[in-house]
Structures are given as C-alpha cells and as structure tokens.
Amino acid sequence: MGFQSLHRSITSSFCFFRLTTQMYINFENDGTWKAELAESSQIIIALSTKIDQLENRLTNTIALATYGPATTPSGPSPGNGFTPKNGQVKKPNTVKP
C-alpha cells in the first residue's frame, strides 16, 4: 500500500468518524435519538408479543394434535415387511382365557 493510498484511507476514515460523531451530537441535541430509540423499542415489544402469541398457538395446536383419539393404522404392520401374495396380513395370535 503506497503512501497516497494510505493517506486517502486514513482521511476517509477520519471524515466518516467526524460525520458519525456530528450526527450523534445532532440526534442528542434535538431529541431525535430518543424518538428513534422509543420507536425501535415499541417495534421490538410488538414483535416479542407476536412471537409469544405464535408460540402459544403452536403449543396449543401440538397439544390438540396429540390429544386426538388413537387410530389404528391401516395396511400391513411395520414388522419384517413380509406381505403374503394374496395381500392379507396375518393377525397376531391371541391367547383365550
């Protein structure tokens, strides 16, 4: 990096720093800073509330889905994957009392 390039980089950084500092001073003096922060805070609060509502709805939906009546699966049971040629699945043996 040559001297001129380094000089331009430092000058550019210094100008950006001065501009940023002046903007902060102006925001602080006229109250814009506080208004911007208040608006941002309200947006964050609204988004947090919305996220809480969506989490509650999701939890309720999951609870309702798992609460439903048990259903018996149709089709072959997931045993060894063997299905007779006629398509009928043998039912398990039961012991009669």
PDB file of N, CA and C in Angstrom:
ATOM      1  N   MET A   1       0.865  -1.166   0.000  1.00  0.00           N
ATOM      2  CA  MET A   1       0.000   0.000   0.000  1.00  0.00           C
ATOM      3  C   MET A   1       0.912   1.230   0.000  1.00  0.00           C
ATOM      4  N   GLY A   2       0.697   2.109  -0.973  1.00  0.00           N
ATOM      5  CA  GLY A   2       1.510   3.306  -1.078  1.00  0.00           C
ATOM      6  C   GLY A   2       1.064   4.377  -0.091  1.00  0.00           C
ATOM      7  N   PHE A   3       1.907   5.403   0.028  1.00  0.00           N
ATOM      8  CA  PHE A   3       1.624   6.483   0.973  1.00  0.00           C
ATOM      9  C   PHE A   3       0.319   7.192   0.621  1.00  0.00           C
ATOM     10  N   GLN A   4       0.090   7.462  -0.670  1.00  0.00           N
ATOM     11  CA  GLN A   4      -1.116   8.176  -1.078  1.00  0.00           C
ATOM     12  C   GLN A   4      -2.376   7.355  -0.786  1.00  0.00           C
ATOM     13  N   SER A   5      -2.283   6.069  -1.025  1.00  0.00           N
ATOM     14  CA  SER A   5      -3.428   5.201  -0.749  1.00  0.00           C
ATOM     15  C   SER A   5      -3.717   5.145   0.750  1.00  0.00           C
ATOM     16  N   LEU A   6      -2.667   5.057   1.543  1.00  0.00           N
ATOM     17  CA  LEU A   6      -2.823   5.036   2.998  1.00  0.00           C
ATOM     18  C   LEU A   6      -3.402   6.361   3.481  1.00  0.00           C
ATOM     19  N   HIS A   7      -2.907   7.470   2.913  1.00  0.00           N
ATOM     20  CA  HIS A   7      -3.383   8.797   3.280  1.00  0.00           C
ATOM     21  C   HIS A   7      -4.877   8.937   2.957  1.00  0.00           C
ATOM     22  N   ARG A   8      -5.304   8.455   1.760  1.00  0.00           N
ATOM     23  CA  ARG A   8      -6.714   8.516   1.383  1.00  0.00           C
ATOM     24  C   ARG A   8      -7.572   7.673   2.331  1.00  0.00           C
ATOM     25  N   SER A   9      -7.073   6.505   2.710  1.00  0.00           N
ATOM     26  CA  SER A   9      -7.812   5.629   3.605  1.00  0.00           C
ATOM     27  C   SER A   9      -7.989   6.260   4.984  1.00  0.00           C
ATOM     28  N   ILE A  10      -6.922   6.841   5.507  1.00  0.00           N
ATOM     29  CA  ILE A  10      -6.997   7.487   6.820  1.00  0.00           C
ATOM     30  C   ILE A  10      -7.910   8.705   6.764  1.00  0.00           C
ATOM     31  N   THR A  11      -7.796   9.492   5.704  1.00  0.00           N
ATOM     32  CA  THR A  11      -8.634  10.678   5.549  1.00  0.00           C
ATOM     33  C   THR A  11     -10.104  10.283   5.448  1.00  0.00           C
ATOM     34  N   SER A  12     -10.383   9.247   4.676  1.00  0.00           N
ATOM     35  CA  SER A  12     -11.753   8.771   4.531  1.00  0.00           C
ATOM     36  C   SER A  12     -12.303   8.282   5.867  1.00  0.00           C
ATOM     37  N   SER A  13     -11.508   7.523   6.609  1.00  0.00           N
ATOM     38  CA  SER A  13     -11.942   7.034   7.920  1.00  0.00           C
ATOM     39  C   SER A  13     -12.196   8.184   8.881  1.00  0.00           C
ATOM     40  N   PHE A  14     -11.322   9.182   8.865  1.00  0.00           N
ATOM     41  CA  PHE A  14     -11.460  10.331   9.753  1.00  0.00           C
ATOM     42  C   PHE A  14     -12.724  11.119   9.408  1.00  0.00           C
ATOM     43  N   CYS A  15     -12.980  11.316   8.106  1.00  0.00           N
ATOM     44  CA  CYS A  15     -14.189  12.041   7.692  1.00  0.00           C
ATOM     45  C   CYS A  15     -15.441  11.284   8.117  1.00  0.00           C
ATOM     46  N   PHE A  16     -15.428   9.965   7.968  1.00  0.00           N
ATOM     47  CA  PHE A  16     -16.574   9.151   8.385  1.00  0.00           C
ATOM     48  C   PHE A  16     -16.768   9.263   9.897  1.00  0.00           C
ATOM     49  N   PHE A  17     -15.685   9.234  10.658  1.00  0.00           N
ATOM     50  CA  PHE A  17     -15.759   9.360  12.110  1.00  0.00           C
ATOM     51  C   PHE A  17     -16.344  10.712  12.504  1.00  0.00           C
ATOM     52  N   ARG A  18     -15.880  11.789  11.856  1.00  0.00           N
ATOM     53  CA  ARG A  18     -16.395  13.132  12.164  1.00  0.00           C
ATOM     54  C   ARG A  18     -17.864  13.240  11.817  1.00  0.00           C
ATOM     55  N   LEU A  19     -18.267  12.686  10.675  1.00  0.00           N
ATOM     56  CA  LEU A  19     -19.666  12.730  10.257  1.00  0.00           C
ATOM     57  C   LEU A  19     -20.536  11.959  11.248  1.00  0.00           C
ATOM     58  N   THR A  20     -20.088  10.787  11.641  1.00  0.00           N
ATOM     59  CA  THR A  20     -20.840   9.975  12.592  1.00  0.00           C
ATOM     60  C   THR A  20     -20.962  10.678  13.938  1.00  0.00           C
ATOM     61  N   THR A  21     -19.869  11.266  14.384  1.00  0.00           N
ATOM     62  CA  THR A  21     -19.878  11.991  15.653  1.00  0.00           C
ATOM     63  C   THR A  21     -20.833  13.178  15.591  1.00  0.00           C
ATOM     64  N   GLN A  22     -20.813  13.927  14.493  1.00  0.00           N
ATOM     65  CA  GLN A  22     -21.693  15.083  14.347  1.00  0.00           C
ATOM     66  C   GLN A  22     -23.152  14.645  14.291  1.00  0.00           C
ATOM     67  N   MET A  23     -23.427  13.531  13.624  1.00  0.00           N
ATOM     68  CA  MET A  23     -24.799  13.030  13.579  1.00  0.00           C
ATOM     69  C   MET A  23     -25.272  12.668  14.988  1.00  0.00           C
ATOM     70  N   TYR A  24     -24.419  12.012  15.755  1.00  0.00           N
ATOM     71  CA  TYR A  24     -24.778  11.649  17.132  1.00  0.00           C
ATOM     72  C   TYR A  24     -25.070  12.897  17.960  1.00  0.00           C
ATOM     73  N   ILE A  25     -24.216  13.911  17.835  1.00  0.00           N
ATOM     74  CA  ILE A  25     -24.413  15.163  18.593  1.00  0.00           C
ATOM     75  C   ILE A  25     -25.745  15.805  18.197  1.00  0.00           C
ATOM     76  N   ASN A  26     -26.031  15.835  16.890  1.00  0.00           N
ATOM     77  CA  ASN A  26     -27.291  16.430  16.430  1.00  0.00           C
ATOM     78  C   ASN A  26     -28.492  15.636  16.948  1.00  0.00           C
ATOM     79  N   PHE A  27     -28.412  14.320  16.879  1.00  0.00           N
ATOM     80  CA  PHE A  27     -29.504  13.483  17.386  1.00  0.00           C
ATOM     81  C   PHE A  27     -29.712  13.708  18.877  1.00  0.00           C
ATOM     82  N   GLU A  28     -28.646  13.829  19.604  1.00  0.00           N
ATOM     83  CA  GLU A  28     -28.725  14.019  21.054  1.00  0.00           C
ATOM     84  C   GLU A  28     -29.313  15.392  21.381  1.00  0.00           C
ATOM     85  N   ASN A  29     -28.903  16.417  20.647  1.00  0.00           N
ATOM     86  CA  ASN A  29     -29.357  17.778  20.936  1.00  0.00           C
ATOM     87  C   ASN A  29     -30.831  17.999  20.605  1.00  0.00           C
ATOM     88  N   ASP A  30     -31.313  17.455  19.494  1.00  0.00           N
ATOM     89  CA  ASP A  30     -32.702  17.739  19.116  1.00  0.00           C
ATOM     90  C   ASP A  30     -33.701  16.665  19.557  1.00  0.00           C
ATOM     91  N   GLY A  31     -33.239  15.633  20.234  1.00  0.00           N
ATOM     92  CA  GLY A  31     -34.140  14.614  20.764  1.00  0.00           C
ATOM     93  C   GLY A  31     -34.488  13.514  19.780  1.00  0.00           C
ATOM     94  N   THR A  32     -33.958  13.585  18.562  1.00  0.00           N
ATOM     95  CA  THR A  32     -34.232  12.549  17.565  1.00  0.00           C
ATOM     96  C   THR A  32     -33.768  11.188  18.058  1.00  0.00           C
ATOM     97  N   TRP A  33     -32.641  11.184  18.750  1.00  0.00           N
ATOM     98  CA  TRP A  33     -32.063   9.934  19.266  1.00  0.00           C
ATOM     99  C   TRP A  33     -33.079   9.207  20.147  1.00  0.00           C
ATOM    100  N   LYS A  34     -33.699   9.957  21.057  1.00  0.00           N
ATOM    101  CA  LYS A  34     -34.679   9.351  21.967  1.00  0.00           C
ATOM    102  C   LYS A  34     -35.901   8.863  21.204  1.00  0.00           C
ATOM    103  N   ALA A  35     -36.344   9.635  20.224  1.00  0.00           N
ATOM    104  CA  ALA A  35     -37.516   9.230  19.439  1.00  0.00           C
ATOM    105  C   ALA A  35     -37.228   7.956  18.655  1.00  0.00           C
ATOM    106  N   GLU A  36     -36.033   7.871  18.072  1.00  0.00           N
ATOM    107  CA  GLU A  36     -35.651   6.673  17.320  1.00  0.00           C
ATOM    108  C   GLU A  36     -35.593   5.460  18.237  1.00  0.00           C
ATOM    109  N   LEU A  37     -35.019   5.629  19.409  1.00  0.00           N
ATOM    110  CA  LEU A  37     -34.933   4.516  20.359  1.00  0.00           C
ATOM    111  C   LEU A  37     -36.310   4.087  20.831  1.00  0.00           C
ATOM    112  N   ALA A  38     -37.196   5.054  21.081  1.00  0.00           N
ATOM    113  CA  ALA A  38     -38.548   4.726  21.533  1.00  0.00           C
ATOM    114  C   ALA A  38     -39.302   3.956  20.455  1.00  0.00           C
ATOM    115  N   GLU A  39     -39.156   4.375  19.206  1.00  0.00           N
ATOM    116  CA  GLU A  39     -39.825   3.693  18.107  1.00  0.00           C
ATOM    117  C   GLU A  39     -39.281   2.279  17.945  1.00  0.00           C
ATOM    118  N   SER A  40     -37.968   2.133  18.035  1.00  0.00           N
ATOM    119  CA  SER A  40     -37.355   0.806  17.930  1.00  0.00           C
ATOM    120  C   SER A  40     -37.805  -0.087  19.074  1.00  0.00           C
ATOM    121  N   SER A  41     -37.885   0.482  20.264  1.00  0.00           N
ATOM    122  CA  SER A  41     -38.312  -0.300  21.423  1.00  0.00           C
ATOM    123  C   SER A  41     -39.748  -0.786  21.250  1.00  0.00           C
ATOM    124  N   GLN A  42     -40.615   0.068  20.724  1.00  0.00           N
ATOM    125  CA  GLN A  42     -42.004  -0.335  20.519  1.00  0.00           C
ATOM    126  C   GLN A  42     -42.115  -1.435  19.471  1.00  0.00           C
ATOM    127  N   ILE A  43     -41.287  -1.361  18.440  1.00  0.00           N
ATOM    128  CA  ILE A  43     -41.291  -2.409  17.414  1.00  0.00           C
ATOM    129  C   ILE A  43     -40.833  -3.733  18.025  1.00  0.00           C
ATOM    130  N   ILE A  44     -39.798  -3.675  18.847  1.00  0.00           N
ATOM    131  CA  ILE A  44     -39.290  -4.886  19.492  1.00  0.00           C
ATOM    132  C   ILE A  44     -40.338  -5.485  20.418  1.00  0.00           C
ATOM    133  N   ILE A  45     -41.018  -4.643  21.178  1.00  0.00           N
ATOM    134  CA  ILE A  45     -42.070  -5.128  22.083  1.00  0.00           C
ATOM    135  C   ILE A  45     -43.202  -5.781  21.277  1.00  0.00           C
ATOM    136  N   ALA A  46     -43.609  -5.149  20.173  1.00  0.00           N
ATOM    137  CA  ALA A  46     -44.680  -5.703  19.344  1.00  0.00           C
ATOM    138  C   ALA A  46     -44.271  -7.045  18.744  1.00  0.00           C
ATOM    139  N   LEU A  47     -43.045  -7.135  18.254  1.00  0.00           N
ATOM    140  CA  LEU A  47     -42.575  -8.395  17.679  1.00  0.00           C
ATOM    141  C   LEU A  47     -42.455  -9.481  18.740  1.00  0.00           C
ATOM    142  N   SER A  48     -41.989  -9.127  19.922  1.00  0.00           N
ATOM    143  CA  SER A  48     -41.891 -10.108  21.013  1.00  0.00           C
ATOM    144  C   SER A  48     -43.268 -10.632  21.401  1.00  0.00           C
ATOM    145  N   THR A  49     -44.243  -9.729  21.457  1.00  0.00           N
ATOM    146  CA  THR A  49     -45.613 -10.131  21.782  1.00  0.00           C
ATOM    147  C   THR A  49     -46.155 -11.068  20.712  1.00  0.00           C
ATOM    148  N   LYS A  50     -45.908 -10.736  19.458  1.00  0.00           N
ATOM    149  CA  LYS A  50     -46.392 -11.577  18.354  1.00  0.00           C
ATOM    150  C   LYS A  50     -45.737 -12.960  18.414  1.00  0.00           C
ATOM    151  N   ILE A  51     -44.464 -13.015  18.701  1.00  0.00           N
ATOM    152  CA  ILE A  51     -43.763 -14.300  18.815  1.00  0.00           C
ATOM    153  C   ILE A  51     -44.363 -15.120  19.953  1.00  0.00           C
ATOM    154  N   ASP A  52     -44.632 -14.494  21.091  1.00  0.00           N
ATOM    155  CA  ASP A  52     -45.254 -15.209  22.210  1.00  0.00           C
ATOM    156  C   ASP A  52     -46.617 -15.774  21.809  1.00  0.00           C
ATOM    157  N   GLN A  53     -47.407 -14.968  21.095  1.00  0.00           N
ATOM    158  CA  GLN A  53     -48.726 -15.434  20.654  1.00  0.00           C
ATOM    159  C   GLN A  53     -48.603 -16.625  19.705  1.00  0.00           C
ATOM    160  N   LEU A  54     -47.656 -16.540  18.771  1.00  0.00           N
ATOM    161  CA  LEU A  54     -47.471 -17.639  17.826  1.00  0.00           C
ATOM    162  C   LEU A  54     -46.974 -18.904  18.522  1.00  0.00           C
ATOM    163  N   GLU A  55     -46.088 -18.738  19.515  1.00  0.00           N
ATOM    164  CA  GLU A  55     -45.613 -19.896  20.275  1.00  0.00           C
ATOM    165  C   GLU A  55     -46.768 -20.555  21.027  1.00  0.00           C
ATOM    166  N   ASN A  56     -47.647 -19.754  21.614  1.00  0.00           N
ATOM    167  CA  ASN A  56     -48.808 -20.298  22.323  1.00  0.00           C
ATOM    168  C   ASN A  56     -49.738 -21.046  21.367  1.00  0.00           C
ATOM    169  N   ARG A  57     -49.978 -20.464  20.191  1.00  0.00           N
ATOM    170  CA  ARG A  57     -50.831 -21.136  19.207  1.00  0.00           C
ATOM    171  C   ARG A  57     -50.209 -22.446  18.752  1.00  0.00           C
ATOM    172  N   LEU A  58     -48.904 -22.440  18.547  1.00  0.00           N
ATOM    173  CA  LEU A  58     -48.215 -23.655  18.125  1.00  0.00           C
ATOM    174  C   LEU A  58     -48.293 -24.725  19.206  1.00  0.00           C
ATOM    175  N   THR A  59     -48.086 -24.326  20.457  1.00  0.00           N
ATOM    176  CA  THR A  59     -48.169 -25.269  21.576  1.00  0.00           C
ATOM    177  C   THR A  59     -49.579 -25.854  21.665  1.00  0.00           C
ATOM    178  N   ASN A  60     -50.600 -25.006  21.521  1.00  0.00           N
ATOM    179  CA  ASN A  60     -51.982 -25.481  21.572  1.00  0.00           C
ATOM    180  C   ASN A  60     -52.289 -26.417  20.410  1.00  0.00           C
ATOM    181  N   THR A  61     -51.781 -26.099  19.238  1.00  0.00           N
ATOM    182  CA  THR A  61     -52.009 -26.950  18.073  1.00  0.00           C
ATOM    183  C   THR A  61     -51.361 -28.312  18.270  1.00  0.00           C
ATOM    184  N   ILE A  62     -50.148 -28.323  18.773  1.00  0.00           N
ATOM    185  CA  ILE A  62     -49.464 -29.590  19.036  1.00  0.00           C
ATOM    186  C   ILE A  62     -50.209 -30.384  20.094  1.00  0.00           C
ATOM    187  N   ALA A  63     -50.683 -29.696  21.138  1.00  0.00           N
ATOM    188  CA  ALA A  63     -51.424 -30.378  22.198  1.00  0.00           C
ATOM    189  C   ALA A  63     -52.709 -30.991  21.648  1.00  0.00           C
ATOM    190  N   LEU A  64     -53.412 -30.255  20.801  1.00  0.00           N
ATOM    191  CA  LEU A  64     -54.652 -30.783  20.223  1.00  0.00           C
ATOM    192  C   LEU A  64     -54.362 -31.961  19.289  1.00  0.00           C
ATOM    193  N   ALA A  65     -53.277 -31.883  18.551  1.00  0.00           N
ATOM    194  CA  ALA A  65     -52.945 -32.959  17.623  1.00  0.00           C
ATOM    195  C   ALA A  65     -52.575 -34.238  18.372  1.00  0.00           C
ATOM    196  N   THR A  66     -51.939 -34.111  19.502  1.00  0.00           N
ATOM    197  CA  THR A  66     -51.546 -35.300  20.253  1.00  0.00           C
ATOM    198  C   THR A  66     -52.660 -35.781  21.166  1.00  0.00           C
ATOM    199  N   TYR A  67     -53.692 -34.977  21.375  1.00  0.00           N
ATOM    200  CA  TYR A  67     -54.785 -35.336  22.271  1.00  0.00           C
ATOM    201  C   TYR A  67     -55.845 -36.176  21.568  1.00  0.00           C
ATOM    202  N   GLY A  68     -55.908 -36.122  20.252  1.00  0.00           N
ATOM    203  CA  GLY A  68     -56.949 -36.793  19.493  1.00  0.00           C
ATOM    204  C   GLY A  68     -57.023 -38.283  19.779  1.00  0.00           C
ATOM    205  N   PRO A  69     -58.139 -38.922  19.372  1.00  0.00           N
ATOM    206  CA  PRO A  69     -58.309 -40.352  19.630  1.00  0.00           C
ATOM    207  C   PRO A  69     -57.269 -41.174  18.884  1.00  0.00           C
ATOM    208  N   ALA A  70     -56.886 -42.263  19.506  1.00  0.00           N
ATOM    209  CA  ALA A  70     -55.901 -43.137  18.880  1.00  0.00           C
ATOM    210  C   ALA A  70     -56.559 -43.836  17.700  1.00  0.00           C
ATOM    211  N   THR A  71     -55.868 -43.910  16.609  1.00  0.00           N
ATOM    212  CA  THR A  71     -56.384 -44.587  15.434  1.00  0.00           C
ATOM    213  C   THR A  71     -55.529 -45.797  15.154  1.00  0.00           C
ATOM    214  N   THR A  72     -56.141 -46.794  14.603  1.00  0.00           N
ATOM    215  CA  THR A  72     -55.373 -47.978  14.244  1.00  0.00           C
ATOM    216  C   THR A  72     -54.857 -47.784  12.837  1.00  0.00           C
ATOM    217  N   PRO A  73     -53.615 -48.084  12.618  1.00  0.00           N
ATOM    218  CA  PRO A  73     -53.049 -47.874  11.282  1.00  0.00           C
ATOM    219  C   PRO A  73     -53.668 -48.840  10.281  1.00  0.00           C
ATOM    220  N   SER A  74     -53.882 -48.359   9.096  1.00  0.00           N
ATOM    221  CA  SER A  74     -54.406 -49.233   8.061  1.00  0.00           C
ATOM    222  C   SER A  74     -53.233 -49.785   7.275  1.00  0.00           C
ATOM    223  N   GLY A  75     -53.423 -50.929   6.712  1.00  0.00           N
ATOM    224  CA  GLY A  75     -52.347 -51.533   5.937  1.00  0.00           C
ATOM    225  C   GLY A  75     -51.535 -52.476   6.806  1.00  0.00           C
ATOM    226  N   PRO A  76     -50.497 -53.030   6.236  1.00  0.00           N
ATOM    227  CA  PRO A  76     -49.688 -54.005   6.964  1.00  0.00           C
ATOM    228  C   PRO A  76     -48.939 -53.369   8.115  1.00  0.00           C
ATOM    229  N   SER A  77     -48.707 -54.174   9.137  1.00  0.00           N
ATOM    230  CA  SER A  77     -47.959 -53.663  10.272  1.00  0.00           C
ATOM    231  C   SER A  77     -46.487 -53.557   9.900  1.00  0.00           C
ATOM    232  N   PRO A  78     -45.779 -52.669  10.564  1.00  0.00           N
ATOM    233  CA  PRO A  78     -44.375 -52.458  10.192  1.00  0.00           C
ATOM    234  C   PRO A  78     -43.452 -53.536  10.759  1.00  0.00           C
ATOM    235  N   GLY A  79     -43.804 -54.774  10.600  1.00  0.00           N
ATOM    236  CA  GLY A  79     -42.978 -55.879  11.111  1.00  0.00           C
ATOM    237  C   GLY A  79     -41.757 -56.076  10.244  1.00  0.00           C
ATOM    238  N   ASN A  80     -41.620 -57.286   9.690  1.00  0.00           N
ATOM    239  CA  ASN A  80     -40.449 -57.578   8.862  1.00  0.00           C
ATOM    240  C   ASN A  80     -40.655 -57.202   7.408  1.00  0.00           C
ATOM    241  N   GLY A  81     -41.801 -56.607   7.082  1.00  0.00           N
ATOM    242  CA  GLY A  81     -42.033 -56.154   5.728  1.00  0.00           C
ATOM    243  C   GLY A  81     -42.596 -57.245   4.823  1.00  0.00           C
ATOM    244  N   PHE A  82     -42.825 -58.436   5.341  1.00  0.00           N
ATOM    245  CA  PHE A  82     -43.339 -59.544   4.536  1.00  0.00           C
ATOM    246  C   PHE A  82     -44.844 -59.412   4.376  1.00  0.00           C
ATOM    247  N   THR A  83     -45.306 -59.479   3.148  1.00  0.00           N
ATOM    248  CA  THR A  83     -46.734 -59.474   2.862  1.00  0.00           C
ATOM    249  C   THR A  83     -47.022 -60.683   1.978  1.00  0.00           C
ATOM    250  N   PRO A  84     -47.976 -61.517   2.382  1.00  0.00           N
ATOM    251  CA  PRO A  84     -48.306 -62.676   1.547  1.00  0.00           C
ATOM    252  C   PRO A  84     -48.782 -62.252   0.165  1.00  0.00           C
ATOM    253  N   LYS A  85     -48.730 -63.163  -0.788  1.00  0.00           N
ATOM    254  CA  LYS A  85     -49.097 -62.846  -2.174  1.00  0.00           C
ATOM    255  C   LYS A  85     -50.553 -62.420  -2.321  1.00  0.00           C
ATOM    256  N   ASN A  86     -51.422 -62.945  -1.474  1.00  0.00           N
ATOM    257  CA  ASN A  86     -52.828 -62.589  -1.605  1.00  0.00           C
ATOM    258  C   ASN A  86     -53.151 -61.231  -0.964  1.00  0.00           C
ATOM    259  N   GLY A  87     -52.163 -60.581  -0.343  1.00  0.00           N
ATOM    260  CA  GLY A  87     -52.341 -59.244   0.215  1.00  0.00           C
ATOM    261  C   GLY A  87     -52.885 -59.224   1.622  1.00  0.00           C
ATOM    262  N   GLN A  88     -53.251 -60.380   2.159  1.00  0.00           N
ATOM    263  CA  GLN A  88     -53.782 -60.404   3.514  1.00  0.00           C
ATOM    264  C   GLN A  88     -52.633 -60.509   4.502  1.00  0.00           C
ATOM    265  N   VAL A  89     -52.759 -59.766   5.580  1.00  0.00           N
ATOM    266  CA  VAL A  89     -51.739 -59.776   6.618  1.00  0.00           C
ATOM    267  C   VAL A  89     -52.233 -60.658   7.745  1.00  0.00           C
ATOM    268  N   LYS A  90     -51.388 -61.551   8.190  1.00  0.00           N
ATOM    269  CA  LYS A  90     -51.764 -62.452   9.265  1.00  0.00           C
ATOM    270  C   LYS A  90     -51.840 -61.675  10.564  1.00  0.00           C
ATOM    271  N   LYS A  91     -52.940 -61.879  11.293  1.00  0.00           N
ATOM    272  CA  LYS A  91     -53.122 -61.198  12.568  1.00  0.00           C
ATOM    273  C   LYS A  91     -52.339 -61.947  13.638  1.00  0.00           C
ATOM    274  N   PRO A  92     -51.887 -61.253  14.672  1.00  0.00           N
ATOM    275  CA  PRO A  92     -51.113 -61.925  15.707  1.00  0.00           C
ATOM    276  C   PRO A  92     -51.979 -62.928  16.462  1.00  0.00           C
ATOM    277  N   ASN A  93     -51.335 -63.989  16.990  1.00  0.00           N
ATOM    278  CA  ASN A  93     -52.035 -64.988  17.777  1.00  0.00           C
ATOM    279  C   ASN A  93     -52.446 -64.407  19.103  1.00  0.00           C
ATOM    280  N   THR A  94     -53.646 -64.764  19.533  1.00  0.00           N
ATOM    281  CA  THR A  94     -54.121 -64.324  20.829  1.00  0.00           C
ATOM    282  C   THR A  94     -54.391 -65.537  21.698  1.00  0.00           C
ATOM    283  N   VAL A  95     -54.222 -65.371  22.977  1.00  0.00           N
ATOM    284  CA  VAL A  95     -54.471 -66.457  23.927  1.00  0.00           C
ATOM    285  C   VAL A  95     -55.834 -66.236  24.542  1.00  0.00           C
ATOM    286  N   LYS A  96     -56.683 -67.283  24.472  1.00  0.00           N
ATOM    287  CA  LYS A  96     -58.017 -67.159  25.051  1.00  0.00           C
ATOM    288  C   LYS A  96     -57.944 -67.598  26.498  1.00  0.00           C
ATOM    289  N   PRO A  97     -58.636 -66.924  27.388  1.00  0.00           N
ATOM    290  CA  PRO A  97     -58.593 -67.305  28.796  1.00  0.00           C
ATOM    291  C   PRO A  97     -59.366 -68.567  29.091  1.00  0.00           C
TER     292      PRO A  97
END
